[in-house]
Amino acid sequence: MPITPKTGSLFHAETQGPAGKWADAATGEHGDLLDIIRETCGLREFREVAEEARRFLRLPRTEPELAPKLVRSIVSIGSRQAARRLFAISSPIKGTVAEAYLQRRGIGRIHHGGSLRFHPRCYYRPDEHLPTETWPAMIACVTDLEGRITGVHRTWLDPDGFDRIRLGKAPIDTPRRAMGDLLGNAVRFGVVDDVLAAGEGLETMLSLRYVLPTMPMAAALSANHLSAMILPSCLRRLYIARDADAAGDAVQAILTQRAADAGIEAIALSPRLGDFNEDLHIFGLEALRAELRLQLAPEDVVRFLHFSTLAAE
């Protein structure tokens, strides 16, 4: 049946085949009513296509989506509040299992700027059918660009020490969990100005901060969240501390394009091993410093790396 769209062109569709489907014998194109509406009306968003289809078919308007959205909003607010309470009742990491955990992973000086805290008995629930446990935990606050806490990341730790299998994390199924609003936000180390280094893991970014203690950094906590992290409007150069895997490659491509669209220079920082904490732990501080010297912009070598070398001396 021919359909006359708003643009005035015609879509000639054959009537053979399943009901509601169409096929163009001349071009081989096929689809359904929604495809016709999208193409002929020049619409891009599915919401707009569905609205036009509802009008075309004279269907009544319903709003069943409101209840789920309201529930998600309430859950999100409660999760943010719980995250803020947990961070507030936690204590500084100095002299705790959390400090020992990071130092055993090669991070001799922990330049976290107040973003990390420690809780000696943080609740951990394996699943809904098992009782709640308590373990010591490193608590990292997740913030938005204005510095508001939107969530926390918990790393449950082994109070009995460090082993090569768990690397100091508690002997539980999921020793890392986050709660609150993570999308677009991050754990931030230092106040961003015109330069920022961003990566996935806490240990990765704290390893870089050990070498570059004055460079602002952000840990997005996962590859997906790193690719979606909101970039500050004042940013001029973004260092992408990528992990050496397929997800790291994808994140680098996405963030590089997003930075370019915003007029921000993007530079990838690539580790020799899996990530920069591995490099630090295996090769040591001086090797990581030499590694970064070759990858930073020359002006940032003087601004951040040279300063850190003088401070260490």
Foldseek 3Di string as FASTA:
>chain_A
DWDQAPVRDIDDFDPDDDPQKTADPVPRDIDGPLVVQCVRHVDDDSVVSVVVVCVVVVPDDDDPPPVVVVVVVVQQVVQQVVQVVVLVPFAACPPHLVLVLLVLLQLVDQQQVSQKTKDAFDWDDQDPVDDIGTAIWIKGFKAALVRRGFKIKIAGFDPVDADPPCSGGDPGDDRIDMIGDLAQIFRKRARDAAEEEEEADPSQVRLVCSQFVHHIYTHSNDLVRLLRHHDDLRYAEYEYQFFPDPSSVVSLVSVCVVCVVSNHHYFYQYDPHGGSSVCCNPVHDVVSLVSVCVRDDVVVCVVTNVVSVVVVD
